[in-house]
């Protein structure tokens, strides 16, 4: 898995490891596909969440 994480970005697949190989990323992608609605947030809320992260 480490080889995949370091080699794939050189071939233009920047987030391949995080979305397809890493279990946490795979769970996030699966959860996003299961939810049919999108949350709408104010830009100030998005900025605050980015700073909190």
PDB file of N, CA and C in Angstrom:
ATOM      1  N   UNK A   1       0.824  -1.193   0.000  1.00  0.00           N
ATOM      2  CA  UNK A   1       0.000   0.000   0.000  1.00  0.00           C
ATOM      3  C   UNK A   1       0.862   1.249   0.000  1.00  0.00           C
ATOM      4  N   UNK A   2       1.989   1.190   0.654  1.00  0.00           N
ATOM      5  CA  UNK A   2       2.873   2.355   0.656  1.00  0.00           C
ATOM      6  C   UNK A   2       3.380   2.663  -0.746  1.00  0.00           C
ATOM      7  N   UNK A   3       3.686   1.628  -1.494  1.00  0.00           N
ATOM      8  CA  UNK A   3       4.150   1.838  -2.869  1.00  0.00           C
ATOM      9  C   UNK A   3       3.059   2.539  -3.677  1.00  0.00           C
ATOM     10  N   UNK A   4       1.824   2.090  -3.505  1.00  0.00           N
ATOM     11  CA  UNK A   4       0.708   2.727  -4.204  1.00  0.00           C
ATOM     12  C   UNK A   4       0.581   4.192  -3.815  1.00  0.00           C
ATOM     13  N   UNK A   5       0.742   4.477  -2.529  1.00  0.00           N
ATOM     14  CA  UNK A   5       0.597   5.846  -2.042  1.00  0.00           C
ATOM     15  C   UNK A   5       1.669   6.764  -2.612  1.00  0.00           C
ATOM     16  N   UNK A   6       2.861   6.249  -2.852  1.00  0.00           N
ATOM     17  CA  UNK A   6       3.945   7.095  -3.335  1.00  0.00           C
ATOM     18  C   UNK A   6       4.103   7.098  -4.852  1.00  0.00           C
ATOM     19  N   UNK A   7       3.677   6.038  -5.532  1.00  0.00           N
ATOM     20  CA  UNK A   7       3.888   5.929  -6.971  1.00  0.00           C
ATOM     21  C   UNK A   7       2.726   6.517  -7.777  1.00  0.00           C
ATOM     22  N   UNK A   8       1.501   6.298  -7.372  1.00  0.00           N
ATOM     23  CA  UNK A   8       0.342   6.738  -8.150  1.00  0.00           C
ATOM     24  C   UNK A   8       0.299   8.243  -8.399  1.00  0.00           C
ATOM     25  N   UNK A   9       0.694   9.100  -7.463  1.00  0.00           N
ATOM     26  CA  UNK A   9       0.672  10.542  -7.775  1.00  0.00           C
ATOM     27  C   UNK A   9       1.550  10.922  -8.963  1.00  0.00           C
ATOM     28  N   UNK A  10       2.586  10.145  -9.247  1.00  0.00           N
ATOM     29  CA  UNK A  10       3.443  10.444 -10.389  1.00  0.00           C
ATOM     30  C   UNK A  10       2.738  10.171 -11.719  1.00  0.00           C
ATOM     31  N   UNK A  11       1.690   9.355 -11.694  1.00  0.00           N
ATOM     32  CA  UNK A  11       0.953   9.023 -12.904  1.00  0.00           C
ATOM     33  C   UNK A  11      -0.351   9.791 -13.021  1.00  0.00           C
ATOM     34  N   UNK A  12      -0.510  10.870 -12.247  1.00  0.00           N
ATOM     35  CA  UNK A  12      -1.668  11.735 -12.358  1.00  0.00           C
ATOM     36  C   UNK A  12      -2.848  11.326 -11.497  1.00  0.00           C
ATOM     37  N   UNK A  13      -2.677  10.331 -10.657  1.00  0.00           N
ATOM     38  CA  UNK A  13      -3.755   9.887  -9.768  1.00  0.00           C
ATOM     39  C   UNK A  13      -3.458  10.375  -8.359  1.00  0.00           C
ATOM     40  N   UNK A  14      -3.677  11.658  -8.127  1.00  0.00           N
ATOM     41  CA  UNK A  14      -3.255  12.278  -6.871  1.00  0.00           C
ATOM     42  C   UNK A  14      -3.958  11.712  -5.646  1.00  0.00           C
ATOM     43  N   UNK A  15      -5.250  11.494  -5.703  1.00  0.00           N
ATOM     44  CA  UNK A  15      -5.962  11.051  -4.510  1.00  0.00           C
ATOM     45  C   UNK A  15      -6.437   9.600  -4.630  1.00  0.00           C
ATOM     46  N   UNK A  16      -5.814   8.810  -5.491  1.00  0.00           N
ATOM     47  CA  UNK A  16      -6.242   7.428  -5.680  1.00  0.00           C
ATOM     48  C   UNK A  16      -6.092   6.631  -4.395  1.00  0.00           C
ATOM     49  N   UNK A  17      -4.971   6.766  -3.720  1.00  0.00           N
ATOM     50  CA  UNK A  17      -4.748   6.014  -2.488  1.00  0.00           C
ATOM     51  C   UNK A  17      -5.785   6.366  -1.432  1.00  0.00           C
ATOM     52  N   UNK A  18      -6.049   7.642  -1.259  1.00  0.00           N
ATOM     53  CA  UNK A  18      -6.974   8.076  -0.207  1.00  0.00           C
ATOM     54  C   UNK A  18      -8.412   7.655  -0.481  1.00  0.00           C
ATOM     55  N   UNK A  19      -8.819   7.606  -1.734  1.00  0.00           N
ATOM     56  CA  UNK A  19     -10.218   7.292  -2.022  1.00  0.00           C
ATOM     57  C   UNK A  19     -10.471   5.823  -2.312  1.00  0.00           C
ATOM     58  N   UNK A  20      -9.492   5.076  -2.777  1.00  0.00           N
ATOM     59  CA  UNK A  20      -9.742   3.694  -3.164  1.00  0.00           C
ATOM     60  C   UNK A  20      -9.015   2.656  -2.318  1.00  0.00           C
ATOM     61  N   UNK A  21      -7.861   2.971  -1.782  1.00  0.00           N
ATOM     62  CA  UNK A  21      -7.074   1.983  -1.054  1.00  0.00           C
ATOM     63  C   UNK A  21      -7.231   2.134   0.455  1.00  0.00           C
ATOM     64  N   UNK A  22      -7.156   3.351   0.928  1.00  0.00           N
ATOM     65  CA  UNK A  22      -7.254   3.626   2.358  1.00  0.00           C
ATOM     66  C   UNK A  22      -8.666   3.290   2.851  1.00  0.00           C
ATOM     67  N   UNK A  23      -8.813   2.514   3.915  1.00  0.00           N
ATOM     68  CA  UNK A  23     -10.155   2.141   4.391  1.00  0.00           C
ATOM     69  C   UNK A  23     -11.007   3.348   4.782  1.00  0.00           C
ATOM     70  N   UNK A  24     -10.424   4.340   5.411  1.00  0.00           N
ATOM     71  CA  UNK A  24     -11.183   5.508   5.829  1.00  0.00           C
ATOM     72  C   UNK A  24     -11.706   6.267   4.620  1.00  0.00           C
ATOM     73  N   UNK A  25     -10.883   6.438   3.610  1.00  0.00           N
ATOM     74  CA  UNK A  25     -11.311   7.123   2.395  1.00  0.00           C
ATOM     75  C   UNK A  25     -12.381   6.341   1.654  1.00  0.00           C
ATOM     76  N   UNK A  26     -12.260   5.022   1.647  1.00  0.00           N
ATOM     77  CA  UNK A  26     -13.264   4.191   0.990  1.00  0.00           C
ATOM     78  C   UNK A  26     -14.604   4.288   1.692  1.00  0.00           C
ATOM     79  N   UNK A  27     -14.584   4.329   3.008  1.00  0.00           N
ATOM     80  CA  UNK A  27     -15.826   4.467   3.769  1.00  0.00           C
ATOM     81  C   UNK A  27     -16.462   5.826   3.505  1.00  0.00           C
ATOM     82  N   UNK A  28     -15.647   6.874   3.426  1.00  0.00           N
ATOM     83  CA  UNK A  28     -16.177   8.201   3.129  1.00  0.00           C
ATOM     84  C   UNK A  28     -16.828   8.237   1.749  1.00  0.00           C
ATOM     85  N   UNK A  29     -16.193   7.630   0.773  1.00  0.00           N
ATOM     86  CA  UNK A  29     -16.752   7.624  -0.581  1.00  0.00           C
ATOM     87  C   UNK A  29     -18.053   6.826  -0.615  1.00  0.00           C
ATOM     88  N   UNK A  30     -18.090   5.698   0.074  1.00  0.00           N
ATOM     89  CA  UNK A  30     -19.306   4.892   0.124  1.00  0.00           C
ATOM     90  C   UNK A  30     -20.441   5.658   0.804  1.00  0.00           C
ATOM     91  N   UNK A  31     -20.133   6.353   1.886  1.00  0.00           N
ATOM     92  CA  UNK A  31     -21.145   7.139   2.589  1.00  0.00           C
ATOM     93  C   UNK A  31     -21.667   8.267   1.698  1.00  0.00           C
ATOM     94  N   UNK A  32     -20.786   8.881   0.931  1.00  0.00           N
ATOM     95  CA  UNK A  32     -21.213   9.964   0.034  1.00  0.00           C
ATOM     96  C   UNK A  32     -22.132   9.437  -1.069  1.00  0.00           C
ATOM     97  N   UNK A  33     -21.895   8.230  -1.511  1.00  0.00           N
ATOM     98  CA  UNK A  33     -22.756   7.659  -2.559  1.00  0.00           C
ATOM     99  C   UNK A  33     -24.118   7.252  -2.002  1.00  0.00           C
ATOM    100  N   UNK A  34     -24.178   6.891  -0.722  1.00  0.00           N
ATOM    101  CA  UNK A  34     -25.438   6.456  -0.118  1.00  0.00           C
ATOM    102  C   UNK A  34     -26.378   7.624   0.182  1.00  0.00           C
ATOM    103  N   UNK A  35     -25.834   8.810   0.373  1.00  0.00           N
ATOM    104  CA  UNK A  35     -26.657   9.970   0.699  1.00  0.00           C
ATOM    105  C   UNK A  35     -27.088  10.640  -0.598  1.00  0.00           C
ATOM    106  N   UNK A  36     -28.387  10.840  -0.738  1.00  0.00           N
ATOM    107  CA  UNK A  36     -28.887  11.407  -1.993  1.00  0.00           C
ATOM    108  C   UNK A  36     -29.064  12.922  -1.934  1.00  0.00           C
ATOM    109  N   UNK A  37     -28.904  13.515  -0.774  1.00  0.00           N
ATOM    110  CA  UNK A  37     -29.068  14.958  -0.664  1.00  0.00           C
ATOM    111  C   UNK A  37     -27.741  15.607  -0.280  1.00  0.00           C
ATOM    112  N   UNK A  38     -27.602  16.852  -0.589  1.00  0.00           N
ATOM    113  CA  UNK A  38     -26.386  17.608  -0.272  1.00  0.00           C
ATOM    114  C   UNK A  38     -26.727  18.671   0.758  1.00  0.00           C
ATOM    115  N   UNK A  39     -25.830  18.864   1.695  1.00  0.00           N
ATOM    116  CA  UNK A  39     -26.015  19.914   2.686  1.00  0.00           C
ATOM    117  C   UNK A  39     -25.551  21.242   2.104  1.00  0.00           C
ATOM    118  N   UNK A  40     -26.307  22.270   2.341  1.00  0.00           N
ATOM    119  CA  UNK A  40     -25.922  23.603   1.904  1.00  0.00           C
ATOM    120  C   UNK A  40     -25.487  24.380   3.137  1.00  0.00           C
ATOM    121  N   UNK A  41     -24.282  24.922   3.065  1.00  0.00           N
ATOM    122  CA  UNK A  41     -23.734  25.681   4.192  1.00  0.00           C
ATOM    123  C   UNK A  41     -23.370  27.078   3.731  1.00  0.00           C
ATOM    124  N   UNK A  42     -23.422  27.981   4.660  1.00  0.00           N
ATOM    125  CA  UNK A  42     -23.005  29.343   4.378  1.00  0.00           C
ATOM    126  C   UNK A  42     -21.490  29.373   4.210  1.00  0.00           C
ATOM    127  N   UNK A  43     -20.973  30.303   3.422  1.00  0.00           N
ATOM    128  CA  UNK A  43     -19.521  30.405   3.238  1.00  0.00           C
ATOM    129  C   UNK A  43     -18.771  30.630   4.548  1.00  0.00           C
ATOM    130  N   UNK A  44     -19.368  31.360   5.492  1.00  0.00           N
ATOM    131  CA  UNK A  44     -18.683  31.586   6.767  1.00  0.00           C
ATOM    132  C   UNK A  44     -18.563  30.284   7.550  1.00  0.00           C
ATOM    133  N   UNK A  45     -19.569  29.430   7.468  1.00  0.00           N
ATOM    134  CA  UNK A  45     -19.512  28.135   8.148  1.00  0.00           C
ATOM    135  C   UNK A  45     -18.419  27.271   7.546  1.00  0.00           C
ATOM    136  N   UNK A  46     -18.294  27.290   6.236  1.00  0.00           N
ATOM    137  CA  UNK A  46     -17.259  26.517   5.562  1.00  0.00           C
ATOM    138  C   UNK A  46     -15.867  26.999   5.984  1.00  0.00           C
ATOM    139  N   UNK A  47     -15.685  28.311   6.063  1.00  0.00           N
ATOM    140  CA  UNK A  47     -14.396  28.864   6.488  1.00  0.00           C
ATOM    141  C   UNK A  47     -14.062  28.445   7.910  1.00  0.00           C
ATOM    142  N   UNK A  48     -15.048  28.477   8.799  1.00  0.00           N
ATOM    143  CA  UNK A  48     -14.821  28.082  10.190  1.00  0.00           C
ATOM    144  C   UNK A  48     -14.479  26.599  10.293  1.00  0.00           C
ATOM    145  N   UNK A  49     -15.160  25.772   9.526  1.00  0.00           N
ATOM    146  CA  UNK A  49     -14.861  24.353   9.543  1.00  0.00           C
ATOM    147  C   UNK A  49     -13.471  24.071   8.998  1.00  0.00           C
ATOM    148  N   UNK A  50     -13.064  24.800   7.952  1.00  0.00           N
ATOM    149  CA  UNK A  50     -11.712  24.636   7.412  1.00  0.00           C
ATOM    150  C   UNK A  50     -10.656  25.029   8.430  1.00  0.00           C
ATOM    151  N   UNK A  51     -10.919  26.103   9.179  1.00  0.00           N
ATOM    152  CA  UNK A  51      -9.964  26.520  10.214  1.00  0.00           C
ATOM    153  C   UNK A  51      -9.917  25.505  11.353  1.00  0.00           C
ATOM    154  N   UNK A  52     -11.061  24.913  11.679  1.00  0.00           N
ATOM    155  CA  UNK A  52     -11.117  23.917  12.752  1.00  0.00           C
ATOM    156  C   UNK A  52     -10.368  22.645  12.379  1.00  0.00           C
ATOM    157  N   UNK A  53     -10.423  22.295  11.116  1.00  0.00           N
ATOM    158  CA  UNK A  53      -9.764  21.089  10.664  1.00  0.00           C
ATOM    159  C   UNK A  53      -8.276  21.206  10.886  1.00  0.00           C
TER     160      UNK A  53
END
